[in-house]
Amino acid sequence: MVELSKLQSERHKHGGEWEDEILSMSSSKWESCDLTLDDLETTKTWNVDLVNHEDKIFLELTTSCKDGKEAKVIIESKVHKHHYPDYKFVVGIKKVNGKRSDGLNSHIDHLNQTSTIDQVLIGEEVLKFMRKPFYNKRVTINNKTQGVVMNNNTIVMDTILYGAKIGDQDGVTKLIELMSEKTTKKSSKPKSKNSSRNAAINKRKYFMKTVQDSDLVSEPTMSMANVLVDKMGQKPNDFERFMQSKEATSMMKGDVKMIDKNPGSKLTERYHLRVSDVEKYVS
């Protein structure tokens, strides 16, 4: 309990600042994750740092990784993979402590060996991944004696150089503007993509919060997979496509609830809708 409290204290003190820095310099696809997922065995809940719903990636950020944090991240990855099997789970680490000659340590090895973790990133790799995701589970870092530490200047310079290398002129210009004293803090212009993603998140929250047990439902039902394929002309496993649809919006407004028919299955097979609701809200 003491170890957990210490971890949480350090996270609030340092982790939140680093997360904000990373988020401010990443692409607009990324946002703070406000999903709260139930633990697989206890009453505990889990919440990852960032999410990219367009590319279906969860990203957990940490300034360093020791025993307590390693265990927490591994459990967190298993929980998120259970609830969102179609999403990737990625870990971003600011610096490596107690490195071996290859620039890694046993904690990084354990994360790489975990099947529910799709990528482990260190230092400048984090922002490079957020601009263009890659999955090879090979951590590439600059093996300096003092370790790879990402302070403000390091983050900005690494990202500007990377943007110049891949020819991303707009990205380079944006970062230079961020460092200018004349730059405004936030744009007042609304972003339609962010608005759409937020709407989908709100719908998912509603449906997951109001889901009903199958024992309480006696009328005919239809799996989400069948609704997607037969009624909406979409792929059977694209749960997010349903959440982004106008049909899901209409159902939420009509207080329609999903039914948990097949726990342990893929989301679109696990959750069903009443046939009467499908006929009413899906053309």
C-alpha atoms as a PDB file:
ATOM      1  CA  MET A   1       0.000   0.000   0.000  1.00  0.00           C
ATOM      2  CA  VAL A   2       2.879   2.359   0.813  1.00  0.00           C
ATOM      3  CA  GLU A   3       4.528   1.559  -2.520  1.00  0.00           C
ATOM      4  CA  LEU A   4       1.302   2.291  -4.426  1.00  0.00           C
ATOM      5  CA  SER A   5       0.823   5.614  -2.622  1.00  0.00           C
ATOM      6  CA  LYS A   6       4.409   6.555  -3.457  1.00  0.00           C
ATOM      7  CA  LEU A   7       3.871   5.702  -7.118  1.00  0.00           C
ATOM      8  CA  GLN A   8       0.693   7.757  -7.273  1.00  0.00           C
ATOM      9  CA  SER A   9       2.392  10.699  -5.583  1.00  0.00           C
ATOM     10  CA  GLU A  10       5.287  10.641  -8.031  1.00  0.00           C
ATOM     11  CA  ARG A  11       2.868  10.347 -10.950  1.00  0.00           C
ATOM     12  CA  HIS A  12       0.921  13.439  -9.902  1.00  0.00           C
ATOM     13  CA  LYS A  13       4.110  15.375  -9.192  1.00  0.00           C
ATOM     14  CA  HIS A  14       6.132  14.557 -12.317  1.00  0.00           C
ATOM     15  CA  GLY A  15       4.209  12.218 -14.622  1.00  0.00           C
ATOM     16  CA  GLY A  16       1.351  14.624 -15.287  1.00  0.00           C
ATOM     17  CA  GLU A  17       3.739  17.370 -16.407  1.00  0.00           C
ATOM     18  CA  TRP A  18       5.525  15.056 -18.845  1.00  0.00           C
ATOM     19  CA  GLU A  19       2.232  13.709 -20.174  1.00  0.00           C
ATOM     20  CA  ASP A  20       1.021  17.259 -20.848  1.00  0.00           C
ATOM     21  CA  GLU A  21       4.267  18.062 -22.699  1.00  0.00           C
ATOM     22  CA  ILE A  22       3.993  14.960 -24.851  1.00  0.00           C
ATOM     23  CA  LEU A  23       0.316  15.553 -25.624  1.00  0.00           C
ATOM     24  CA  SER A  24       0.893  19.195 -26.588  1.00  0.00           C
ATOM     25  CA  MET A  25       3.501  18.184 -29.176  1.00  0.00           C
ATOM     26  CA  SER A  26       1.781  15.132 -30.632  1.00  0.00           C
ATOM     27  CA  SER A  27      -0.640  14.955 -33.544  1.00  0.00           C
ATOM     28  CA  SER A  28      -4.319  15.803 -33.090  1.00  0.00           C
ATOM     29  CA  LYS A  29      -5.189  12.084 -33.151  1.00  0.00           C
ATOM     30  CA  TRP A  30      -4.072  11.748 -29.516  1.00  0.00           C
ATOM     31  CA  GLU A  31      -6.036  12.824 -26.450  1.00  0.00           C
ATOM     32  CA  SER A  32      -6.158  12.205 -22.711  1.00  0.00           C
ATOM     33  CA  CYS A  33      -8.033   8.971 -22.054  1.00  0.00           C
ATOM     34  CA  ASP A  34     -11.047   9.296 -19.782  1.00  0.00           C
ATOM     35  CA  LEU A  35     -12.154   5.661 -20.059  1.00  0.00           C
ATOM     36  CA  THR A  36     -12.286   3.796 -16.740  1.00  0.00           C
ATOM     37  CA  LEU A  37     -12.086   0.010 -17.081  1.00  0.00           C
ATOM     38  CA  ASP A  38     -12.957  -2.637 -14.498  1.00  0.00           C
ATOM     39  CA  ASP A  39     -10.241  -4.958 -13.222  1.00  0.00           C
ATOM     40  CA  LEU A  40     -10.558  -8.608 -14.301  1.00  0.00           C
ATOM     41  CA  GLU A  41     -10.772  -9.930 -10.736  1.00  0.00           C
ATOM     42  CA  THR A  42     -11.152  -7.149  -8.161  1.00  0.00           C
ATOM     43  CA  THR A  43     -13.255  -3.998  -7.743  1.00  0.00           C
ATOM     44  CA  LYS A  44     -10.281  -1.850  -8.802  1.00  0.00           C
ATOM     45  CA  THR A  45     -10.575   0.270 -11.956  1.00  0.00           C
ATOM     46  CA  TRP A  46      -7.892   1.226 -14.475  1.00  0.00           C
ATOM     47  CA  ASN A  47      -7.263   4.298 -16.613  1.00  0.00           C
ATOM     48  CA  VAL A  48      -4.514   4.681 -19.223  1.00  0.00           C
ATOM     49  CA  ASP A  49      -2.893   8.072 -19.976  1.00  0.00           C
ATOM     50  CA  LEU A  50      -3.524   8.673 -23.689  1.00  0.00           C
ATOM     51  CA  VAL A  51      -5.600   7.161 -26.487  1.00  0.00           C
ATOM     52  CA  ASN A  52      -5.678   7.382 -30.277  1.00  0.00           C
ATOM     53  CA  HIS A  53      -9.096   6.099 -31.342  1.00  0.00           C
ATOM     54  CA  GLU A  54      -8.412   6.592 -35.041  1.00  0.00           C
ATOM     55  CA  ASP A  55      -5.447   4.166 -35.022  1.00  0.00           C
ATOM     56  CA  LYS A  56      -6.837   2.207 -32.022  1.00  0.00           C
ATOM     57  CA  ILE A  57      -3.916   2.633 -29.620  1.00  0.00           C
ATOM     58  CA  PHE A  58      -3.721   3.049 -25.849  1.00  0.00           C
ATOM     59  CA  LEU A  59      -0.515   4.706 -24.581  1.00  0.00           C
ATOM     60  CA  GLU A  60       0.651   4.531 -20.971  1.00  0.00           C
ATOM     61  CA  LEU A  61       3.379   7.061 -20.097  1.00  0.00           C
ATOM     62  CA  THR A  62       5.817   6.828 -17.211  1.00  0.00           C
ATOM     63  CA  THR A  63       8.939   8.815 -16.320  1.00  0.00           C
ATOM     64  CA  SER A  64      10.767   5.625 -15.278  1.00  0.00           C
ATOM     65  CA  CYS A  65      10.052   1.945 -14.651  1.00  0.00           C
ATOM     66  CA  LYS A  66      10.803   0.051 -11.432  1.00  0.00           C
ATOM     67  CA  ASP A  67       9.199  -3.016  -9.802  1.00  0.00           C
ATOM     68  CA  GLY A  68       5.953  -1.347  -8.709  1.00  0.00           C
ATOM     69  CA  LYS A  69       5.393   0.484 -11.986  1.00  0.00           C
ATOM     70  CA  GLU A  70       6.322  -2.577 -14.047  1.00  0.00           C
ATOM     71  CA  ALA A  71       3.698  -4.713 -12.280  1.00  0.00           C
ATOM     72  CA  LYS A  72       1.061  -1.992 -12.602  1.00  0.00           C
ATOM     73  CA  VAL A  73       1.647  -1.523 -16.347  1.00  0.00           C
ATOM     74  CA  ILE A  74       1.529  -5.262 -17.060  1.00  0.00           C
ATOM     75  CA  ILE A  75      -1.817  -5.647 -15.265  1.00  0.00           C
ATOM     76  CA  GLU A  76      -3.120  -2.494 -16.944  1.00  0.00           C
ATOM     77  CA  SER A  77      -2.220  -3.879 -20.378  1.00  0.00           C
ATOM     78  CA  LYS A  78      -4.100  -7.127 -19.676  1.00  0.00           C
ATOM     79  CA  VAL A  79      -7.207  -5.223 -18.542  1.00  0.00           C
ATOM     80  CA  HIS A  80      -7.247  -2.944 -21.597  1.00  0.00           C
ATOM     81  CA  LYS A  81      -6.659  -5.864 -23.992  1.00  0.00           C
ATOM     82  CA  HIS A  82      -9.551  -7.731 -22.387  1.00  0.00           C
ATOM     83  CA  HIS A  83     -12.000  -4.852 -22.796  1.00  0.00           C
ATOM     84  CA  TYR A  84     -10.573  -3.593 -26.104  1.00  0.00           C
ATOM     85  CA  PRO A  85      -9.018  -6.592 -27.902  1.00  0.00           C
ATOM     86  CA  ASP A  86      -8.885  -4.668 -31.194  1.00  0.00           C
ATOM     87  CA  TYR A  87      -6.689  -1.902 -29.716  1.00  0.00           C
ATOM     88  CA  LYS A  88      -2.886  -1.864 -29.330  1.00  0.00           C
ATOM     89  CA  PHE A  89      -1.355  -1.223 -25.894  1.00  0.00           C
ATOM     90  CA  VAL A  90       1.903   0.747 -25.911  1.00  0.00           C
ATOM     91  CA  VAL A  91       4.194   1.893 -23.092  1.00  0.00           C
ATOM     92  CA  GLY A  92       6.279   5.087 -23.286  1.00  0.00           C
ATOM     93  CA  ILE A  93       9.136   5.566 -20.798  1.00  0.00           C
ATOM     94  CA  LYS A  94      10.988   8.848 -20.314  1.00  0.00           C
ATOM     95  CA  LYS A  95      14.302   7.327 -19.218  1.00  0.00           C
ATOM     96  CA  VAL A  96      15.907   4.012 -18.265  1.00  0.00           C
ATOM     97  CA  ASN A  97      17.596   3.658 -14.858  1.00  0.00           C
ATOM     98  CA  GLY A  98      20.383   1.163 -14.124  1.00  0.00           C
ATOM     99  CA  LYS A  99      21.024   0.306 -17.758  1.00  0.00           C
ATOM    100  CA  ARG A 100      23.089  -2.593 -19.055  1.00  0.00           C
ATOM    101  CA  SER A 101      25.548  -2.229 -21.911  1.00  0.00           C
ATOM    102  CA  ASP A 102      22.683  -2.661 -24.417  1.00  0.00           C
ATOM    103  CA  GLY A 103      20.882   0.385 -22.992  1.00  0.00           C
ATOM    104  CA  LEU A 104      18.082  -1.633 -21.334  1.00  0.00           C
ATOM    105  CA  ASN A 105      17.353  -3.251 -17.972  1.00  0.00           C
ATOM    106  CA  SER A 106      15.312  -6.192 -16.632  1.00  0.00           C
ATOM    107  CA  HIS A 107      12.148  -4.098 -16.249  1.00  0.00           C
ATOM    108  CA  ILE A 108      12.186  -3.225 -19.960  1.00  0.00           C
ATOM    109  CA  ASP A 109      12.814  -6.901 -20.769  1.00  0.00           C
ATOM    110  CA  HIS A 110       9.738  -7.904 -18.759  1.00  0.00           C
ATOM    111  CA  LEU A 111       7.539  -5.353 -20.539  1.00  0.00           C
ATOM    112  CA  ASN A 112       8.798  -6.529 -23.930  1.00  0.00           C
ATOM    113  CA  GLN A 113       8.089 -10.137 -22.932  1.00  0.00           C
ATOM    114  CA  THR A 114       4.453  -9.375 -22.032  1.00  0.00           C
ATOM    115  CA  SER A 115       2.099 -10.524 -24.786  1.00  0.00           C
ATOM    116  CA  THR A 116      -0.506  -7.829 -24.072  1.00  0.00           C
ATOM    117  CA  ILE A 117       2.049  -5.029 -24.594  1.00  0.00           C
ATOM    118  CA  ASP A 118       2.533  -4.317 -28.299  1.00  0.00           C
ATOM    119  CA  GLN A 119       5.401  -1.813 -28.126  1.00  0.00           C
ATOM    120  CA  VAL A 120       7.802  -0.350 -25.560  1.00  0.00           C
ATOM    121  CA  LEU A 121       9.200   3.114 -26.326  1.00  0.00           C
ATOM    122  CA  ILE A 122      11.988   5.023 -24.623  1.00  0.00           C
ATOM    123  CA  GLY A 123      12.944   8.696 -24.801  1.00  0.00           C
ATOM    124  CA  GLU A 124      12.599  10.291 -28.234  1.00  0.00           C
ATOM    125  CA  GLU A 125      10.949   7.113 -29.554  1.00  0.00           C
ATOM    126  CA  VAL A 126       7.690   8.195 -27.885  1.00  0.00           C
ATOM    127  CA  LEU A 127       7.033  11.253 -30.042  1.00  0.00           C
ATOM    128  CA  LYS A 128       8.262   9.494 -33.186  1.00  0.00           C
ATOM    129  CA  PHE A 129       5.758   6.711 -32.550  1.00  0.00           C
ATOM    130  CA  MET A 130       2.930   9.174 -31.897  1.00  0.00           C
ATOM    131  CA  ARG A 131       3.574  10.793 -35.267  1.00  0.00           C
ATOM    132  CA  LYS A 132       3.840   7.479 -37.125  1.00  0.00           C
ATOM    133  CA  PRO A 133       3.068   4.266 -35.163  1.00  0.00           C
ATOM    134  CA  PHE A 134       5.369   1.284 -35.647  1.00  0.00           C
ATOM    135  CA  TYR A 135       5.431  -2.161 -34.029  1.00  0.00           C
ATOM    136  CA  ASN A 136       8.688  -4.066 -33.783  1.00  0.00           C
ATOM    137  CA  LYS A 137       9.197  -4.296 -30.000  1.00  0.00           C
ATOM    138  CA  ARG A 138      12.826  -3.271 -30.482  1.00  0.00           C
ATOM    139  CA  VAL A 139      13.723  -0.296 -28.340  1.00  0.00           C
ATOM    140  CA  THR A 140      16.183   2.044 -30.012  1.00  0.00           C
ATOM    141  CA  ILE A 141      17.783   4.613 -27.703  1.00  0.00           C
ATOM    142  CA  ASN A 142      20.921   6.663 -27.528  1.00  0.00           C
ATOM    143  CA  ASN A 143      23.001   4.673 -25.039  1.00  0.00           C
ATOM    144  CA  LYS A 144      24.560   7.511 -23.071  1.00  0.00           C
ATOM    145  CA  THR A 145      26.124   7.057 -19.634  1.00  0.00           C
ATOM    146  CA  GLN A 146      23.593   9.408 -18.018  1.00  0.00           C
ATOM    147  CA  GLY A 147      20.633   7.783 -19.787  1.00  0.00           C
ATOM    148  CA  VAL A 148      18.165   9.311 -22.192  1.00  0.00           C
ATOM    149  CA  VAL A 149      16.461  12.144 -20.351  1.00  0.00           C
ATOM    150  CA  MET A 150      13.722  14.109 -22.124  1.00  0.00           C
ATOM    151  CA  ASN A 151      13.695  17.669 -20.857  1.00  0.00           C
ATOM    152  CA  ASN A 152      11.785  20.385 -22.715  1.00  0.00           C
ATOM    153  CA  ASN A 153      14.653  21.268 -25.065  1.00  0.00           C
ATOM    154  CA  THR A 154      15.418  17.621 -25.811  1.00  0.00           C
ATOM    155  CA  ILE A 155      11.793  16.889 -26.704  1.00  0.00           C
ATOM    156  CA  VAL A 156      11.513  19.881 -29.000  1.00  0.00           C
ATOM    157  CA  MET A 157      14.867  19.472 -30.758  1.00  0.00           C
ATOM    158  CA  ASP A 158      14.465  15.722 -31.271  1.00  0.00           C
ATOM    159  CA  THR A 159      11.017  16.221 -32.737  1.00  0.00           C
ATOM    160  CA  ILE A 160      12.048  19.143 -34.979  1.00  0.00           C
ATOM    161  CA  LEU A 161      14.954  17.103 -36.346  1.00  0.00           C
ATOM    162  CA  TYR A 162      12.722  14.088 -36.891  1.00  0.00           C
ATOM    163  CA  GLY A 163      10.102  16.219 -38.650  1.00  0.00           C
ATOM    164  CA  ALA A 164      12.764  17.710 -40.918  1.00  0.00           C
ATOM    165  CA  LYS A 165      14.076  14.238 -41.717  1.00  0.00           C
ATOM    166  CA  ILE A 166      10.682  12.964 -42.908  1.00  0.00           C
ATOM    167  CA  GLY A 167       9.866  16.200 -44.718  1.00  0.00           C
ATOM    168  CA  ASP A 168       7.093  17.279 -42.378  1.00  0.00           C
ATOM    169  CA  GLN A 169       7.381  21.023 -42.875  1.00  0.00           C
ATOM    170  CA  ASP A 170       4.082  21.804 -41.164  1.00  0.00           C
ATOM    171  CA  GLY A 171       5.081  19.833 -38.078  1.00  0.00           C
ATOM    172  CA  VAL A 172       8.449  21.580 -37.841  1.00  0.00           C
ATOM    173  CA  THR A 173       6.837  24.996 -38.245  1.00  0.00           C
ATOM    174  CA  LYS A 174       4.289  24.205 -35.531  1.00  0.00           C
ATOM    175  CA  LEU A 175       6.972  23.214 -33.025  1.00  0.00           C
ATOM    176  CA  ILE A 176       9.035  26.313 -33.730  1.00  0.00           C
ATOM    177  CA  GLU A 177       5.933  28.413 -33.152  1.00  0.00           C
ATOM    178  CA  LEU A 178       5.346  26.643 -29.852  1.00  0.00           C
ATOM    179  CA  MET A 179       8.726  27.862 -28.628  1.00  0.00           C
ATOM    180  CA  SER A 180       8.109  31.419 -29.783  1.00  0.00           C
ATOM    181  CA  GLU A 181       7.104  33.988 -27.169  1.00  0.00           C
ATOM    182  CA  LYS A 182       4.451  35.311 -29.540  1.00  0.00           C
ATOM    183  CA  THR A 183       2.662  31.997 -29.881  1.00  0.00           C
ATOM    184  CA  THR A 184      -0.830  31.845 -28.408  1.00  0.00           C
ATOM    185  CA  LYS A 185      -1.423  29.056 -25.900  1.00  0.00           C
ATOM    186  CA  LYS A 186      -4.431  27.454 -27.579  1.00  0.00           C
ATOM    187  CA  SER A 187      -6.306  27.845 -30.815  1.00  0.00           C
ATOM    188  CA  SER A 188      -9.888  28.988 -30.486  1.00  0.00           C
ATOM    189  CA  LYS A 189     -10.841  27.241 -33.712  1.00  0.00           C
ATOM    190  CA  PRO A 190     -12.825  24.077 -32.987  1.00  0.00           C
ATOM    191  CA  LYS A 191     -11.615  20.761 -34.374  1.00  0.00           C
ATOM    192  CA  SER A 192     -14.313  18.656 -35.953  1.00  0.00           C
ATOM    193  CA  LYS A 193     -12.295  15.426 -35.641  1.00  0.00           C
ATOM    194  CA  ASN A 194     -11.840  15.897 -31.899  1.00  0.00           C
ATOM    195  CA  SER A 195     -15.540  16.631 -31.570  1.00  0.00           C
ATOM    196  CA  SER A 196     -16.440  13.409 -33.392  1.00  0.00           C
ATOM    197  CA  ARG A 197     -14.055  11.352 -31.258  1.00  0.00           C
ATOM    198  CA  ASN A 198     -15.426  12.864 -28.057  1.00  0.00           C
ATOM    199  CA  ALA A 199     -18.963  12.058 -29.185  1.00  0.00           C
ATOM    200  CA  ALA A 200     -17.959   8.434 -29.835  1.00  0.00           C
ATOM    201  CA  ILE A 201     -16.316   8.215 -26.402  1.00  0.00           C
ATOM    202  CA  ASN A 202     -19.466   9.562 -24.732  1.00  0.00           C
ATOM    203  CA  LYS A 203     -21.607   7.025 -26.567  1.00  0.00           C
ATOM    204  CA  ARG A 204     -19.294   4.177 -25.617  1.00  0.00           C
ATOM    205  CA  LYS A 205     -19.420   5.325 -21.986  1.00  0.00           C
ATOM    206  CA  TYR A 206     -23.199   5.358 -22.035  1.00  0.00           C
ATOM    207  CA  PHE A 207     -23.554   1.893 -23.595  1.00  0.00           C
ATOM    208  CA  MET A 208     -20.916   0.271 -21.357  1.00  0.00           C
ATOM    209  CA  LYS A 209     -22.378   1.857 -18.231  1.00  0.00           C
ATOM    210  CA  THR A 210     -25.960   0.764 -18.967  1.00  0.00           C
ATOM    211  CA  VAL A 211     -25.265  -2.741 -20.316  1.00  0.00           C
ATOM    212  CA  GLN A 212     -27.774  -5.344 -19.126  1.00  0.00           C
ATOM    213  CA  ASP A 213     -27.258  -8.943 -18.061  1.00  0.00           C
ATOM    214  CA  SER A 214     -28.694 -11.447 -20.555  1.00  0.00           C
ATOM    215  CA  ASP A 215     -30.650 -13.197 -17.772  1.00  0.00           C
ATOM    216  CA  LEU A 216     -32.842 -10.100 -17.468  1.00  0.00           C
ATOM    217  CA  VAL A 217     -33.775 -10.043 -21.168  1.00  0.00           C
ATOM    218  CA  SER A 218     -36.249 -12.523 -22.632  1.00  0.00           C
ATOM    219  CA  GLU A 219     -36.953 -11.008 -26.049  1.00  0.00           C
ATOM    220  CA  PRO A 220     -34.975 -11.785 -29.259  1.00  0.00           C
ATOM    221  CA  THR A 221     -31.570 -10.150 -29.658  1.00  0.00           C
ATOM    222  CA  MET A 222     -29.004  -9.623 -32.412  1.00  0.00           C
ATOM    223  CA  SER A 223     -25.214  -9.494 -31.966  1.00  0.00           C
ATOM    224  CA  MET A 224     -23.384  -6.251 -32.700  1.00  0.00           C
ATOM    225  CA  ALA A 225     -21.454  -8.161 -35.375  1.00  0.00           C
ATOM    226  CA  ASN A 226     -24.679  -9.032 -37.198  1.00  0.00           C
ATOM    227  CA  VAL A 227     -25.956  -5.487 -36.854  1.00  0.00           C
ATOM    228  CA  LEU A 228     -22.741  -4.139 -38.357  1.00  0.00           C
ATOM    229  CA  VAL A 229     -22.720  -6.576 -41.285  1.00  0.00           C
ATOM    230  CA  ASP A 230     -26.399  -7.163 -42.061  1.00  0.00           C
ATOM    231  CA  LYS A 231     -27.861  -3.770 -41.206  1.00  0.00           C
ATOM    232  CA  MET A 232     -25.000  -1.273 -41.596  1.00  0.00           C
ATOM    233  CA  GLY A 233     -22.782  -2.874 -44.243  1.00  0.00           C
ATOM    234  CA  GLN A 234     -19.665  -2.679 -42.057  1.00  0.00           C
ATOM    235  CA  LYS A 235     -16.978  -5.144 -40.920  1.00  0.00           C
ATOM    236  CA  PRO A 236     -18.183  -7.539 -38.181  1.00  0.00           C
ATOM    237  CA  ASN A 237     -15.484  -6.688 -35.608  1.00  0.00           C
ATOM    238  CA  ASP A 238     -15.475  -2.888 -35.965  1.00  0.00           C
ATOM    239  CA  PHE A 239     -17.041  -2.001 -32.616  1.00  0.00           C
ATOM    240  CA  GLU A 240     -15.774   1.580 -32.851  1.00  0.00           C
ATOM    241  CA  ARG A 241     -17.529   2.072 -36.199  1.00  0.00           C
ATOM    242  CA  PHE A 242     -20.842   1.456 -34.478  1.00  0.00           C
ATOM    243  CA  MET A 243     -19.969   3.897 -31.681  1.00  0.00           C
ATOM    244  CA  GLN A 244     -19.197   6.560 -34.285  1.00  0.00           C
ATOM    245  CA  SER A 245     -22.464   6.031 -36.169  1.00  0.00           C
ATOM    246  CA  LYS A 246     -25.641   8.114 -36.213  1.00  0.00           C
ATOM    247  CA  GLU A 247     -27.560   4.944 -35.326  1.00  0.00           C
ATOM    248  CA  ALA A 248     -25.659   4.715 -32.018  1.00  0.00           C
ATOM    249  CA  THR A 249     -26.485   8.368 -31.353  1.00  0.00           C
ATOM    250  CA  SER A 250     -30.201   7.748 -31.943  1.00  0.00           C
ATOM    251  CA  MET A 251     -30.138   4.656 -29.727  1.00  0.00           C
ATOM    252  CA  MET A 252     -28.435   6.524 -26.895  1.00  0.00           C
ATOM    253  CA  LYS A 253     -31.052   9.278 -27.083  1.00  0.00           C
ATOM    254  CA  GLY A 254     -33.738   6.586 -27.009  1.00  0.00           C
ATOM    255  CA  ASP A 255     -32.226   4.944 -23.879  1.00  0.00           C
ATOM    256  CA  VAL A 256     -31.422   1.726 -25.751  1.00  0.00           C
ATOM    257  CA  LYS A 257     -29.204  -0.675 -23.800  1.00  0.00           C
ATOM    258  CA  MET A 258     -26.756  -3.357 -24.913  1.00  0.00           C
ATOM    259  CA  ILE A 259     -27.055  -6.889 -23.549  1.00  0.00           C
ATOM    260  CA  ASP A 260     -24.044  -8.873 -22.327  1.00  0.00           C
ATOM    261  CA  LYS A 261     -24.688 -12.264 -23.964  1.00  0.00           C
ATOM    262  CA  ASN A 262     -21.245 -13.834 -24.409  1.00  0.00           C
ATOM    263  CA  PRO A 263     -18.691 -12.687 -21.786  1.00  0.00           C
ATOM    264  CA  GLY A 264     -15.128 -13.375 -22.897  1.00  0.00           C
ATOM    265  CA  SER A 265     -15.904 -13.106 -26.613  1.00  0.00           C
ATOM    266  CA  LYS A 266     -14.935 -10.280 -28.946  1.00  0.00           C
ATOM    267  CA  LEU A 267     -16.861  -7.093 -28.225  1.00  0.00           C
ATOM    268  CA  THR A 268     -19.128  -7.377 -31.270  1.00  0.00           C
ATOM    269  CA  GLU A 269     -19.985 -10.991 -30.429  1.00  0.00           C
ATOM    270  CA  ARG A 270     -20.262 -10.398 -26.717  1.00  0.00           C
ATOM    271  CA  TYR A 271     -22.731  -7.516 -26.836  1.00  0.00           C
ATOM    272  CA  HIS A 272     -26.202  -7.768 -28.375  1.00  0.00           C
ATOM    273  CA  LEU A 273     -29.084  -5.413 -29.084  1.00  0.00           C
ATOM    274  CA  ARG A 274     -32.792  -6.149 -28.917  1.00  0.00           C
ATOM    275  CA  VAL A 275     -34.149  -6.958 -32.365  1.00  0.00           C
ATOM    276  CA  SER A 276     -36.987  -4.471 -31.755  1.00  0.00           C
ATOM    277  CA  ASP A 277     -34.442  -1.689 -31.100  1.00  0.00           C
ATOM    278  CA  VAL A 278     -32.443  -2.601 -34.225  1.00  0.00           C
ATOM    279  CA  GLU A 279     -35.582  -2.472 -36.363  1.00  0.00           C
ATOM    280  CA  LYS A 280     -36.539   0.883 -34.865  1.00  0.00           C
ATOM    281  CA  TYR A 281     -33.209   2.701 -35.067  1.00  0.00           C
ATOM    282  CA  VAL A 282     -31.209   1.033 -37.874  1.00  0.00           C
ATOM    283  CA  SER A 283     -32.560   1.576 -41.378  1.00  0.00           C
END
